[in-house]
Amino acid sequence: MFPENLSLIVGLTEVYIASAEFVGLSSGGFLYNLGGFKLPFIIFDLLHLLAVPMDYFMLPPDQETNQTVTRTSGSSDLEAEKSKNTNGLENEE
């Protein structure tokens, strides 16, 4: 998807993961002190439930293709596999 900017994407992913860990743990601890054990779970569950509709509207629609997938008989693959010996070389028959 991003072959020309792979190092940039990996770097940004690492930054976002580290930031999420810091913010999540800090806010979870704050919510625990504020309302007890259940409050962080309730708040984060509600945030996740709000994120689902946002994802639905923000993601682009799937592009439909008219490609068909044909399935062929696997007998030729099976015969080729049978003709190989244990070290992966084909038998001379």
C-alpha atoms as a PDB file:
ATOM      1  CA  MET A   1       0.000   0.000   0.000  1.00  0.00           C
ATOM      2  CA  PHE A   2       2.851   2.378   0.810  1.00  0.00           C
ATOM      3  CA  PRO A   3       5.882   0.744  -0.808  1.00  0.00           C
ATOM      4  CA  GLU A   4       7.734   3.986  -1.475  1.00  0.00           C
ATOM      5  CA  ASN A   5       7.237   5.329   2.074  1.00  0.00           C
ATOM      6  CA  LEU A   6       7.535   2.138   4.091  1.00  0.00           C
ATOM      7  CA  SER A   7      10.113   3.467   6.557  1.00  0.00           C
ATOM      8  CA  LEU A   8       7.992   6.561   7.219  1.00  0.00           C
ATOM      9  CA  ILE A   9       4.879   4.464   7.826  1.00  0.00           C
ATOM     10  CA  VAL A  10       6.716   2.091  10.187  1.00  0.00           C
ATOM     11  CA  GLY A  11       8.154   5.055  12.104  1.00  0.00           C
ATOM     12  CA  LEU A  12       4.765   6.739  12.440  1.00  0.00           C
ATOM     13  CA  THR A  13       3.215   3.468  13.564  1.00  0.00           C
ATOM     14  CA  GLU A  14       5.813   3.134  16.317  1.00  0.00           C
ATOM     15  CA  VAL A  15       5.185   6.724  17.459  1.00  0.00           C
ATOM     16  CA  TYR A  16       1.419   6.179  17.573  1.00  0.00           C
ATOM     17  CA  ILE A  17       1.778   2.922  19.503  1.00  0.00           C
ATOM     18  CA  ALA A  18       4.088   4.506  22.086  1.00  0.00           C
ATOM     19  CA  SER A  19       1.789   7.529  22.422  1.00  0.00           C
ATOM     20  CA  ALA A  20      -1.270   5.311  22.824  1.00  0.00           C
ATOM     21  CA  GLU A  21       0.435   3.290  25.553  1.00  0.00           C
ATOM     22  CA  PHE A  22       1.400   6.435  27.442  1.00  0.00           C
ATOM     23  CA  VAL A  23      -1.989   8.122  27.116  1.00  0.00           C
ATOM     24  CA  GLY A  24      -3.948   4.915  27.736  1.00  0.00           C
ATOM     25  CA  LEU A  25      -2.075   3.940  30.870  1.00  0.00           C
ATOM     26  CA  SER A  26      -2.121   7.474  32.265  1.00  0.00           C
ATOM     27  CA  SER A  27      -5.807   8.051  31.604  1.00  0.00           C
ATOM     28  CA  GLY A  28      -6.669   4.549  32.831  1.00  0.00           C
ATOM     29  CA  GLY A  29      -4.890   5.226  36.109  1.00  0.00           C
ATOM     30  CA  PHE A  30      -6.601   8.586  36.444  1.00  0.00           C
ATOM     31  CA  LEU A  31     -10.034   7.060  35.815  1.00  0.00           C
ATOM     32  CA  TYR A  32      -9.291   4.256  38.278  1.00  0.00           C
ATOM     33  CA  ASN A  33      -8.468   6.796  40.987  1.00  0.00           C
ATOM     34  CA  LEU A  34     -11.554   8.802  40.084  1.00  0.00           C
ATOM     35  CA  GLY A  35     -14.185   6.073  39.953  1.00  0.00           C
ATOM     36  CA  GLY A  36     -12.755   2.692  40.851  1.00  0.00           C
ATOM     37  CA  PHE A  37     -12.044  -0.460  38.897  1.00  0.00           C
ATOM     38  CA  LYS A  38     -15.022  -0.366  36.509  1.00  0.00           C
ATOM     39  CA  LEU A  39     -14.809   3.256  35.334  1.00  0.00           C
ATOM     40  CA  PRO A  40     -11.827   2.909  32.936  1.00  0.00           C
ATOM     41  CA  PHE A  41     -13.507  -0.055  31.230  1.00  0.00           C
ATOM     42  CA  ILE A  42     -16.822   1.760  30.887  1.00  0.00           C
ATOM     43  CA  ILE A  43     -15.237   4.917  29.462  1.00  0.00           C
ATOM     44  CA  PHE A  44     -12.967   3.097  27.012  1.00  0.00           C
ATOM     45  CA  ASP A  45     -15.806   0.808  25.903  1.00  0.00           C
ATOM     46  CA  LEU A  46     -17.955   3.854  25.161  1.00  0.00           C
ATOM     47  CA  LEU A  47     -15.097   5.419  23.192  1.00  0.00           C
ATOM     48  CA  HIS A  48     -14.718   2.235  21.162  1.00  0.00           C
ATOM     49  CA  LEU A  49     -18.456   2.150  20.474  1.00  0.00           C
ATOM     50  CA  LEU A  50     -18.249   5.737  19.205  1.00  0.00           C
ATOM     51  CA  ALA A  51     -15.310   4.836  16.971  1.00  0.00           C
ATOM     52  CA  VAL A  52     -17.250   2.167  15.045  1.00  0.00           C
ATOM     53  CA  PRO A  53     -19.651   4.592  13.305  1.00  0.00           C
ATOM     54  CA  MET A  54     -16.762   6.982  12.653  1.00  0.00           C
ATOM     55  CA  ASP A  55     -14.826   4.194  10.950  1.00  0.00           C
ATOM     56  CA  TYR A  56     -17.843   3.254   8.869  1.00  0.00           C
ATOM     57  CA  PHE A  57     -18.211   6.771   7.475  1.00  0.00           C
ATOM     58  CA  MET A  58     -14.499   7.603   7.174  1.00  0.00           C
ATOM     59  CA  LEU A  59     -13.316   4.482   5.354  1.00  0.00           C
ATOM     60  CA  PRO A  60     -13.657   4.532   1.573  1.00  0.00           C
ATOM     61  CA  PRO A  61     -16.132   2.080   0.054  1.00  0.00           C
ATOM     62  CA  ASP A  62     -14.848  -1.169  -1.406  1.00  0.00           C
ATOM     63  CA  GLN A  63     -14.250  -1.109  -5.115  1.00  0.00           C
ATOM     64  CA  GLU A  64     -16.134  -3.908  -6.779  1.00  0.00           C
ATOM     65  CA  THR A  65     -14.288  -5.812  -9.455  1.00  0.00           C
ATOM     66  CA  ASN A  66     -15.623  -8.044 -12.162  1.00  0.00           C
ATOM     67  CA  GLN A  67     -12.862 -10.593 -11.734  1.00  0.00           C
ATOM     68  CA  THR A  68     -13.815 -14.224 -11.447  1.00  0.00           C
ATOM     69  CA  VAL A  69     -11.821 -16.841  -9.643  1.00  0.00           C
ATOM     70  CA  THR A  70     -11.595 -20.212 -11.304  1.00  0.00           C
ATOM     71  CA  ARG A  71     -10.644 -23.306  -9.427  1.00  0.00           C
ATOM     72  CA  THR A  72      -8.768 -26.033 -11.193  1.00  0.00           C
ATOM     73  CA  SER A  73      -8.320 -29.613 -10.215  1.00  0.00           C
ATOM     74  CA  GLY A  74      -5.456 -30.125  -7.802  1.00  0.00           C
ATOM     75  CA  SER A  75      -4.486 -33.490  -9.279  1.00  0.00           C
ATOM     76  CA  SER A  76      -1.450 -32.098 -11.111  1.00  0.00           C
ATOM     77  CA  ASP A  77      -0.159 -30.585  -7.875  1.00  0.00           C
ATOM     78  CA  LEU A  78      -0.738 -33.866  -6.086  1.00  0.00           C
ATOM     79  CA  GLU A  79       1.090 -35.830  -8.769  1.00  0.00           C
ATOM     80  CA  ALA A  80       4.031 -33.424  -8.656  1.00  0.00           C
ATOM     81  CA  GLU A  81       4.149 -33.754  -4.885  1.00  0.00           C
ATOM     82  CA  LYS A  82       4.112 -37.557  -5.090  1.00  0.00           C
ATOM     83  CA  SER A  83       6.970 -37.572  -7.574  1.00  0.00           C
ATOM     84  CA  LYS A  84       9.253 -35.739  -5.143  1.00  0.00           C
ATOM     85  CA  ASN A  85      11.348 -37.761  -2.762  1.00  0.00           C
ATOM     86  CA  THR A  86      12.126 -36.740   0.825  1.00  0.00           C
ATOM     87  CA  ASN A  87      14.799 -34.177  -0.016  1.00  0.00           C
ATOM     88  CA  GLY A  88      12.523 -32.241  -2.390  1.00  0.00           C
ATOM     89  CA  LEU A  89      14.076 -33.431  -5.646  1.00  0.00           C
ATOM     90  CA  GLU A  90      11.939 -34.948  -8.383  1.00  0.00           C
ATOM     91  CA  ASN A  91      12.295 -38.655  -9.007  1.00  0.00           C
ATOM     92  CA  GLU A  92      13.656 -39.803 -12.341  1.00  0.00           C
ATOM     93  CA  GLU A  93      11.044 -42.310 -13.483  1.00  0.00           C
END
